């Protein structure tokens, strides 16, 4: 798996669906999301290609419990004894102690329902009977909530943005002018937009607006989406312009 450099300390690791991000602080690595189940070897290969060693992985931050984001957390955490971080509301699902709440597709627009059917067709799942597969259960070493600060990138502030899942989070690195949005924001052909397949679309849109406003206020440059190409520069301005479509 070949990583792509977003900034000198930041790489994106692409998967067929979604992506993970690798942040480097000296010899210590933080992984934001992990890709789908079975991706541990690919992540390790990407780390090596970035010029680092997998043994330097200190922390795995999960933006939410969906398997395309948390699918390889258990294997990577086991191999490298990395700390696993998740929001307190999603932590029971990550651990396998609670079922995976499905998205609410009843009020989704027709294009989103059609996309859901297309993506999930191989599994025999439809928007009329939505459900999600679970990632392999993974320990959670630290449960976080709004305002908590993680020790990477000069301090990464946890932003609670429920909607996509109850425990969805974003991460703001003020010193680095960088924002990780998870699936609250996606980068699509027309630009940034609220993510899809949500437990609560209204709250997702509210979280999207919040991140757009915050990125402008904090003069964010780099925006890292759960799906879609990251914006290395001008990300805050792009989100601010886009927010008007969803006012």
C-alpha atoms as a PDB file:
ATOM      1  CA  UNK A   1       0.000   0.000   0.000  1.00  0.00           C
ATOM      2  CA  UNK A   2       1.609   3.262  -1.098  1.00  0.00           C
ATOM      3  CA  UNK A   3       0.929   6.214   1.222  1.00  0.00           C
ATOM      4  CA  UNK A   4       0.496   9.702  -0.152  1.00  0.00           C
ATOM      5  CA  UNK A   5       2.176  12.668   1.484  1.00  0.00           C
ATOM      6  CA  UNK A   6      -0.251  15.379   2.572  1.00  0.00           C
ATOM      7  CA  UNK A   7       2.353  17.319   4.540  1.00  0.00           C
ATOM      8  CA  UNK A   8       5.834  16.324   5.719  1.00  0.00           C
ATOM      9  CA  UNK A   9       4.474  14.921   9.014  1.00  0.00           C
ATOM     10  CA  UNK A  10       1.195  13.615   7.578  1.00  0.00           C
ATOM     11  CA  UNK A  11       0.407  10.789   5.162  1.00  0.00           C
ATOM     12  CA  UNK A  12      -2.864   9.358   3.910  1.00  0.00           C
ATOM     13  CA  UNK A  13      -3.164   5.589   3.503  1.00  0.00           C
ATOM     14  CA  UNK A  14      -5.846   4.895   0.863  1.00  0.00           C
ATOM     15  CA  UNK A  15      -8.047   1.800   0.750  1.00  0.00           C
ATOM     16  CA  UNK A  16     -10.652   0.748  -1.822  1.00  0.00           C
ATOM     17  CA  UNK A  17     -13.199   2.344   0.516  1.00  0.00           C
ATOM     18  CA  UNK A  18     -12.038   5.113   2.823  1.00  0.00           C
ATOM     19  CA  UNK A  19      -8.596   5.818   4.214  1.00  0.00           C
ATOM     20  CA  UNK A  20      -6.440   6.131   7.303  1.00  0.00           C
ATOM     21  CA  UNK A  21      -4.016   8.885   8.248  1.00  0.00           C
ATOM     22  CA  UNK A  22      -0.527   8.616   9.710  1.00  0.00           C
ATOM     23  CA  UNK A  23       0.893  11.437  11.827  1.00  0.00           C
ATOM     24  CA  UNK A  24       4.564  11.501  12.808  1.00  0.00           C
ATOM     25  CA  UNK A  25       6.008  13.209  15.889  1.00  0.00           C
ATOM     26  CA  UNK A  26       9.701  12.444  15.827  1.00  0.00           C
ATOM     27  CA  UNK A  27       9.899   8.663  16.232  1.00  0.00           C
ATOM     28  CA  UNK A  28       6.321   8.322  17.531  1.00  0.00           C
ATOM     29  CA  UNK A  29       3.432   7.548  15.194  1.00  0.00           C
ATOM     30  CA  UNK A  30      -0.300   8.136  15.555  1.00  0.00           C
ATOM     31  CA  UNK A  31      -2.749   6.390  13.244  1.00  0.00           C
ATOM     32  CA  UNK A  32      -6.170   7.991  12.730  1.00  0.00           C
ATOM     33  CA  UNK A  33      -8.475   5.112  11.696  1.00  0.00           C
ATOM     34  CA  UNK A  34      -7.177   1.787  10.406  1.00  0.00           C
ATOM     35  CA  UNK A  35      -9.013   0.757   7.239  1.00  0.00           C
ATOM     36  CA  UNK A  36     -11.201  -2.341   6.856  1.00  0.00           C
ATOM     37  CA  UNK A  37     -10.585  -5.744   8.446  1.00  0.00           C
ATOM     38  CA  UNK A  38      -7.510  -7.485   7.081  1.00  0.00           C
ATOM     39  CA  UNK A  39      -5.587  -4.265   6.388  1.00  0.00           C
ATOM     40  CA  UNK A  40      -2.919  -4.525   9.093  1.00  0.00           C
ATOM     41  CA  UNK A  41      -0.204  -5.749   6.719  1.00  0.00           C
ATOM     42  CA  UNK A  42      -1.060  -3.006   4.220  1.00  0.00           C
ATOM     43  CA  UNK A  43      -0.899  -0.366   6.956  1.00  0.00           C
ATOM     44  CA  UNK A  44       2.486  -1.614   8.086  1.00  0.00           C
ATOM     45  CA  UNK A  45       3.734  -1.563   4.506  1.00  0.00           C
ATOM     46  CA  UNK A  46       2.494   2.022   4.134  1.00  0.00           C
ATOM     47  CA  UNK A  47       4.259   3.030   7.339  1.00  0.00           C
ATOM     48  CA  UNK A  48       7.533   1.645   6.027  1.00  0.00           C
ATOM     49  CA  UNK A  49       7.053   3.370   2.683  1.00  0.00           C
ATOM     50  CA  UNK A  50       6.547   6.651   4.552  1.00  0.00           C
ATOM     51  CA  UNK A  51      10.028   6.265   6.033  1.00  0.00           C
ATOM     52  CA  UNK A  52       9.001   5.083   9.498  1.00  0.00           C
ATOM     53  CA  UNK A  53       8.766   1.729  11.271  1.00  0.00           C
ATOM     54  CA  UNK A  54       5.528   0.053  12.407  1.00  0.00           C
ATOM     55  CA  UNK A  55       7.103  -0.559  15.831  1.00  0.00           C
ATOM     56  CA  UNK A  56       6.887   3.223  16.374  1.00  0.00           C
ATOM     57  CA  UNK A  57       3.066   3.107  16.374  1.00  0.00           C
ATOM     58  CA  UNK A  58       2.054   4.526  19.740  1.00  0.00           C
ATOM     59  CA  UNK A  59      -1.586   5.441  19.300  1.00  0.00           C
ATOM     60  CA  UNK A  60      -4.633   4.505  17.224  1.00  0.00           C
ATOM     61  CA  UNK A  61      -7.487   7.016  17.212  1.00  0.00           C
ATOM     62  CA  UNK A  62     -10.832   5.805  15.876  1.00  0.00           C
ATOM     63  CA  UNK A  63     -13.159   8.490  14.556  1.00  0.00           C
ATOM     64  CA  UNK A  64     -16.064   6.009  14.860  1.00  0.00           C
ATOM     65  CA  UNK A  65     -16.799   2.289  15.021  1.00  0.00           C
ATOM     66  CA  UNK A  66     -17.671   1.499  11.376  1.00  0.00           C
ATOM     67  CA  UNK A  67     -15.584  -1.397  10.023  1.00  0.00           C
ATOM     68  CA  UNK A  68     -14.028   0.605   7.171  1.00  0.00           C
ATOM     69  CA  UNK A  69     -12.433   2.770   9.883  1.00  0.00           C
ATOM     70  CA  UNK A  70     -11.985   0.439  12.857  1.00  0.00           C
ATOM     71  CA  UNK A  71     -11.616  -2.851  11.003  1.00  0.00           C
ATOM     72  CA  UNK A  72      -7.883  -3.385  11.578  1.00  0.00           C
ATOM     73  CA  UNK A  73      -7.572  -1.680  14.956  1.00  0.00           C
ATOM     74  CA  UNK A  74      -7.523  -4.903  16.962  1.00  0.00           C
ATOM     75  CA  UNK A  75      -4.751  -6.516  14.933  1.00  0.00           C
ATOM     76  CA  UNK A  76      -2.557  -3.405  14.826  1.00  0.00           C
ATOM     77  CA  UNK A  77      -3.049  -2.726  18.537  1.00  0.00           C
ATOM     78  CA  UNK A  78      -2.108  -6.300  19.365  1.00  0.00           C
ATOM     79  CA  UNK A  79       0.997  -6.293  17.177  1.00  0.00           C
ATOM     80  CA  UNK A  80       2.392  -2.989  18.435  1.00  0.00           C
ATOM     81  CA  UNK A  81       0.792  -2.500  21.868  1.00  0.00           C
ATOM     82  CA  UNK A  82      -0.547   0.810  20.660  1.00  0.00           C
ATOM     83  CA  UNK A  83      -3.029   2.751  22.766  1.00  0.00           C
ATOM     84  CA  UNK A  84      -6.529   2.669  21.265  1.00  0.00           C
ATOM     85  CA  UNK A  85      -8.659   5.795  21.607  1.00  0.00           C
ATOM     86  CA  UNK A  86     -12.391   6.092  20.893  1.00  0.00           C
ATOM     87  CA  UNK A  87     -15.342   8.213  22.005  1.00  0.00           C
ATOM     88  CA  UNK A  88     -17.087   6.878  25.089  1.00  0.00           C
ATOM     89  CA  UNK A  89     -20.361   6.405  23.148  1.00  0.00           C
ATOM     90  CA  UNK A  90     -18.756   4.227  20.456  1.00  0.00           C
ATOM     91  CA  UNK A  91     -16.320   2.398  22.738  1.00  0.00           C
ATOM     92  CA  UNK A  92     -18.777  -0.403  23.706  1.00  0.00           C
ATOM     93  CA  UNK A  93     -19.344  -1.173  20.004  1.00  0.00           C
ATOM     94  CA  UNK A  94     -15.609  -1.125  19.290  1.00  0.00           C
ATOM     95  CA  UNK A  95     -15.047  -3.563  22.152  1.00  0.00           C
ATOM     96  CA  UNK A  96     -17.814  -5.834  20.897  1.00  0.00           C
ATOM     97  CA  UNK A  97     -19.890  -5.327  24.045  1.00  0.00           C
ATOM     98  CA  UNK A  98     -22.767  -3.617  22.211  1.00  0.00           C
ATOM     99  CA  UNK A  99     -24.438  -4.162  18.823  1.00  0.00           C
ATOM    100  CA  UNK A 100     -23.687  -1.929  15.849  1.00  0.00           C
ATOM    101  CA  UNK A 101     -26.566   0.536  15.422  1.00  0.00           C
ATOM    102  CA  UNK A 102     -27.534   0.687  11.736  1.00  0.00           C
ATOM    103  CA  UNK A 103     -27.885   3.936   9.786  1.00  0.00           C
ATOM    104  CA  UNK A 104     -31.329   5.441   9.504  1.00  0.00           C
ATOM    105  CA  UNK A 105     -32.011   5.307   5.780  1.00  0.00           C
ATOM    106  CA  UNK A 106     -35.767   5.963   5.994  1.00  0.00           C
ATOM    107  CA  UNK A 107     -35.441   9.720   5.460  1.00  0.00           C
ATOM    108  CA  UNK A 108     -32.303   9.616   3.312  1.00  0.00           C
ATOM    109  CA  UNK A 109     -32.570  11.136  -0.168  1.00  0.00           C
ATOM    110  CA  UNK A 110     -33.066   8.716  -3.033  1.00  0.00           C
ATOM    111  CA  UNK A 111     -29.518   9.139  -4.345  1.00  0.00           C
ATOM    112  CA  UNK A 112     -28.138   8.132  -0.930  1.00  0.00           C
ATOM    113  CA  UNK A 113     -30.441   5.113  -0.702  1.00  0.00           C
ATOM    114  CA  UNK A 114     -29.315   4.025  -4.168  1.00  0.00           C
ATOM    115  CA  UNK A 115     -25.667   4.445  -3.158  1.00  0.00           C
ATOM    116  CA  UNK A 116     -26.266   2.393  -0.022  1.00  0.00           C
ATOM    117  CA  UNK A 117     -27.812  -0.398  -2.094  1.00  0.00           C
ATOM    118  CA  UNK A 118     -24.895  -0.309  -4.542  1.00  0.00           C
ATOM    119  CA  UNK A 119     -22.224  -0.430  -1.849  1.00  0.00           C
ATOM    120  CA  UNK A 120     -23.927  -3.172   0.150  1.00  0.00           C
ATOM    121  CA  UNK A 121     -25.263  -5.306  -2.709  1.00  0.00           C
ATOM    122  CA  UNK A 122     -22.549  -7.987  -2.283  1.00  0.00           C
ATOM    123  CA  UNK A 123     -23.747  -8.463   1.310  1.00  0.00           C
ATOM    124  CA  UNK A 124     -27.428  -8.674   0.407  1.00  0.00           C
ATOM    125  CA  UNK A 125     -28.187  -5.553   2.462  1.00  0.00           C
ATOM    126  CA  UNK A 126     -30.506  -2.806   1.238  1.00  0.00           C
ATOM    127  CA  UNK A 127     -31.600   0.635   2.388  1.00  0.00           C
ATOM    128  CA  UNK A 128     -35.014  -0.852   3.216  1.00  0.00           C
ATOM    129  CA  UNK A 129     -33.362  -3.182   5.746  1.00  0.00           C
ATOM    130  CA  UNK A 130     -30.056  -1.500   6.605  1.00  0.00           C
ATOM    131  CA  UNK A 131     -27.469  -3.008   8.877  1.00  0.00           C
ATOM    132  CA  UNK A 132     -23.725  -2.832   9.252  1.00  0.00           C
ATOM    133  CA  UNK A 133     -21.150  -5.530   9.791  1.00  0.00           C
ATOM    134  CA  UNK A 134     -18.964  -5.254  12.840  1.00  0.00           C
ATOM    135  CA  UNK A 135     -15.225  -4.768  12.945  1.00  0.00           C
ATOM    136  CA  UNK A 136     -13.339  -7.424  14.942  1.00  0.00           C
ATOM    137  CA  UNK A 137     -13.664  -6.501  18.637  1.00  0.00           C
ATOM    138  CA  UNK A 138     -10.856  -4.286  19.863  1.00  0.00           C
ATOM    139  CA  UNK A 139      -9.856  -3.087  23.291  1.00  0.00           C
ATOM    140  CA  UNK A 140     -10.280   0.632  23.976  1.00  0.00           C
ATOM    141  CA  UNK A 141      -7.639   2.001  26.324  1.00  0.00           C
ATOM    142  CA  UNK A 142      -8.901   5.563  26.491  1.00  0.00           C
ATOM    143  CA  UNK A 143     -12.455   6.797  26.150  1.00  0.00           C
ATOM    144  CA  UNK A 144     -12.669  10.448  25.162  1.00  0.00           C
ATOM    145  CA  UNK A 145     -15.274  13.164  24.871  1.00  0.00           C
ATOM    146  CA  UNK A 146     -15.593  16.789  23.808  1.00  0.00           C
ATOM    147  CA  UNK A 147     -12.577  18.910  24.695  1.00  0.00           C
ATOM    148  CA  UNK A 148     -10.167  16.134  25.622  1.00  0.00           C
ATOM    149  CA  UNK A 149      -6.654  16.646  24.253  1.00  0.00           C
ATOM    150  CA  UNK A 150      -4.497  13.890  22.783  1.00  0.00           C
ATOM    151  CA  UNK A 151      -0.728  14.100  22.881  1.00  0.00           C
ATOM    152  CA  UNK A 152       0.213  14.340  19.221  1.00  0.00           C
ATOM    153  CA  UNK A 153       0.663  17.135  16.713  1.00  0.00           C
ATOM    154  CA  UNK A 154       1.250  19.639  19.498  1.00  0.00           C
ATOM    155  CA  UNK A 155      -2.101  18.732  21.058  1.00  0.00           C
ATOM    156  CA  UNK A 156      -5.126  17.289  19.259  1.00  0.00           C
ATOM    157  CA  UNK A 157      -8.467  18.488  20.623  1.00  0.00           C
ATOM    158  CA  UNK A 158     -11.331  15.997  20.471  1.00  0.00           C
ATOM    159  CA  UNK A 159     -14.549  17.362  18.974  1.00  0.00           C
ATOM    160  CA  UNK A 160     -17.715  15.364  19.606  1.00  0.00           C
ATOM    161  CA  UNK A 161     -19.836  15.404  16.443  1.00  0.00           C
ATOM    162  CA  UNK A 162     -22.624  12.844  16.906  1.00  0.00           C
ATOM    163  CA  UNK A 163     -24.796  11.976  13.955  1.00  0.00           C
ATOM    164  CA  UNK A 164     -22.892   9.633  11.680  1.00  0.00           C
ATOM    165  CA  UNK A 165     -22.595   7.499  14.790  1.00  0.00           C
ATOM    166  CA  UNK A 166     -23.387   8.537  18.343  1.00  0.00           C
ATOM    167  CA  UNK A 167     -19.695   8.607  19.186  1.00  0.00           C
ATOM    168  CA  UNK A 168     -18.258  10.157  16.030  1.00  0.00           C
ATOM    169  CA  UNK A 169     -15.348  12.503  16.653  1.00  0.00           C
ATOM    170  CA  UNK A 170     -13.243  15.005  14.760  1.00  0.00           C
ATOM    171  CA  UNK A 171      -9.754  16.141  15.765  1.00  0.00           C
ATOM    172  CA  UNK A 172      -8.431  19.699  15.668  1.00  0.00           C
ATOM    173  CA  UNK A 173      -4.680  20.293  15.802  1.00  0.00           C
ATOM    174  CA  UNK A 174      -4.514  24.071  16.349  1.00  0.00           C
ATOM    175  CA  UNK A 175      -0.725  24.320  16.247  1.00  0.00           C
ATOM    176  CA  UNK A 176      -0.695  22.458  12.935  1.00  0.00           C
ATOM    177  CA  UNK A 177      -3.858  24.138  11.568  1.00  0.00           C
ATOM    178  CA  UNK A 178      -5.122  20.664  10.725  1.00  0.00           C
ATOM    179  CA  UNK A 179      -8.574  19.096  11.056  1.00  0.00           C
ATOM    180  CA  UNK A 180      -9.535  15.408  10.837  1.00  0.00           C
ATOM    181  CA  UNK A 181     -13.267  15.203  10.132  1.00  0.00           C
ATOM    182  CA  UNK A 182     -13.977  11.477  10.226  1.00  0.00           C
ATOM    183  CA  UNK A 183     -17.165  10.746   8.270  1.00  0.00           C
ATOM    184  CA  UNK A 184     -18.988  13.869   9.422  1.00  0.00           C
ATOM    185  CA  UNK A 185     -17.569  15.489   6.287  1.00  0.00           C
ATOM    186  CA  UNK A 186     -16.779  13.770   2.993  1.00  0.00           C
ATOM    187  CA  UNK A 187     -14.966  15.092  -0.038  1.00  0.00           C
ATOM    188  CA  UNK A 188     -17.096  14.449  -3.122  1.00  0.00           C
ATOM    189  CA  UNK A 189     -16.996  15.614  -6.731  1.00  0.00           C
ATOM    190  CA  UNK A 190     -18.722  18.897  -5.890  1.00  0.00           C
ATOM    191  CA  UNK A 191     -16.568  19.535  -2.821  1.00  0.00           C
ATOM    192  CA  UNK A 192     -16.989  18.855   0.899  1.00  0.00           C
ATOM    193  CA  UNK A 193     -20.423  17.654   2.032  1.00  0.00           C
ATOM    194  CA  UNK A 194     -22.016  15.965   5.047  1.00  0.00           C
ATOM    195  CA  UNK A 195     -21.218  12.267   5.231  1.00  0.00           C
ATOM    196  CA  UNK A 196     -23.705   9.559   4.265  1.00  0.00           C
ATOM    197  CA  UNK A 197     -25.202   6.457   5.928  1.00  0.00           C
ATOM    198  CA  UNK A 198     -25.873   8.263   9.183  1.00  0.00           C
ATOM    199  CA  UNK A 199     -27.664   7.245  12.350  1.00  0.00           C
ATOM    200  CA  UNK A 200     -29.081  10.781  12.443  1.00  0.00           C
ATOM    201  CA  UNK A 201     -28.696  12.907   9.315  1.00  0.00           C
ATOM    202  CA  UNK A 202     -29.878  16.114  11.016  1.00  0.00           C
ATOM    203  CA  UNK A 203     -27.185  15.880  13.669  1.00  0.00           C
ATOM    204  CA  UNK A 204     -24.595  15.007  11.039  1.00  0.00           C
ATOM    205  CA  UNK A 205     -25.449  18.164   9.110  1.00  0.00           C
ATOM    206  CA  UNK A 206     -25.218  20.154  12.352  1.00  0.00           C
ATOM    207  CA  UNK A 207     -21.790  18.660  12.998  1.00  0.00           C
ATOM    208  CA  UNK A 208     -20.776  19.460   9.429  1.00  0.00           C
ATOM    209  CA  UNK A 209     -21.759  23.116   9.933  1.00  0.00           C
ATOM    210  CA  UNK A 210     -19.882  23.236  13.206  1.00  0.00           C
ATOM    211  CA  UNK A 211     -16.681  21.922  11.629  1.00  0.00           C
ATOM    212  CA  UNK A 212     -16.994  24.338   8.721  1.00  0.00           C
ATOM    213  CA  UNK A 213     -17.362  27.312  11.083  1.00  0.00           C
ATOM    214  CA  UNK A 214     -14.580  26.128  13.376  1.00  0.00           C
ATOM    215  CA  UNK A 215     -12.146  25.544  10.538  1.00  0.00           C
ATOM    216  CA  UNK A 216     -12.663  29.131   9.364  1.00  0.00           C
ATOM    217  CA  UNK A 217     -12.300  30.511  12.897  1.00  0.00           C
ATOM    218  CA  UNK A 218      -9.119  28.509  13.550  1.00  0.00           C
ATOM    219  CA  UNK A 219      -7.704  29.300  10.097  1.00  0.00           C
ATOM    220  CA  UNK A 220      -7.335  25.613   9.324  1.00  0.00           C
ATOM    221  CA  UNK A 221      -5.182  24.840   6.303  1.00  0.00           C
ATOM    222  CA  UNK A 222      -5.233  21.034   6.089  1.00  0.00           C
ATOM    223  CA  UNK A 223      -8.483  19.061   6.191  1.00  0.00           C
ATOM    224  CA  UNK A 224      -8.440  15.264   6.293  1.00  0.00           C
ATOM    225  CA  UNK A 225     -11.719  13.553   5.353  1.00  0.00           C
ATOM    226  CA  UNK A 226     -12.779   9.990   6.097  1.00  0.00           C
ATOM    227  CA  UNK A 227     -13.659   9.605   2.417  1.00  0.00           C
ATOM    228  CA  UNK A 228     -12.253  11.668  -0.422  1.00  0.00           C
ATOM    229  CA  UNK A 229      -8.929  13.342  -1.068  1.00  0.00           C
ATOM    230  CA  UNK A 230      -7.611  15.532   1.766  1.00  0.00           C
ATOM    231  CA  UNK A 231      -7.008  19.235   1.276  1.00  0.00           C
ATOM    232  CA  UNK A 232      -3.389  20.052   2.105  1.00  0.00           C
ATOM    233  CA  UNK A 233      -3.910  23.820   1.872  1.00  0.00           C
ATOM    234  CA  UNK A 234      -6.876  26.165   1.886  1.00  0.00           C
ATOM    235  CA  UNK A 235      -9.068  23.615   3.614  1.00  0.00           C
ATOM    236  CA  UNK A 236     -10.701  26.012   6.062  1.00  0.00           C
ATOM    237  CA  UNK A 237     -11.630  28.468   3.339  1.00  0.00           C
ATOM    238  CA  UNK A 238     -13.059  25.641   1.238  1.00  0.00           C
ATOM    239  CA  UNK A 239     -15.221  24.399   4.110  1.00  0.00           C
ATOM    240  CA  UNK A 240     -16.409  27.908   4.876  1.00  0.00           C
ATOM    241  CA  UNK A 241     -17.543  28.420   1.272  1.00  0.00           C
ATOM    242  CA  UNK A 242     -19.234  25.032   1.189  1.00  0.00           C
ATOM    243  CA  UNK A 243     -21.171  25.543   4.414  1.00  0.00           C
ATOM    244  CA  UNK A 244     -23.483  28.053   2.713  1.00  0.00           C
ATOM    245  CA  UNK A 245     -25.056  25.225   0.699  1.00  0.00           C
ATOM    246  CA  UNK A 246     -26.288  23.590   3.907  1.00  0.00           C
ATOM    247  CA  UNK A 247     -27.422  26.665   5.847  1.00  0.00           C
END
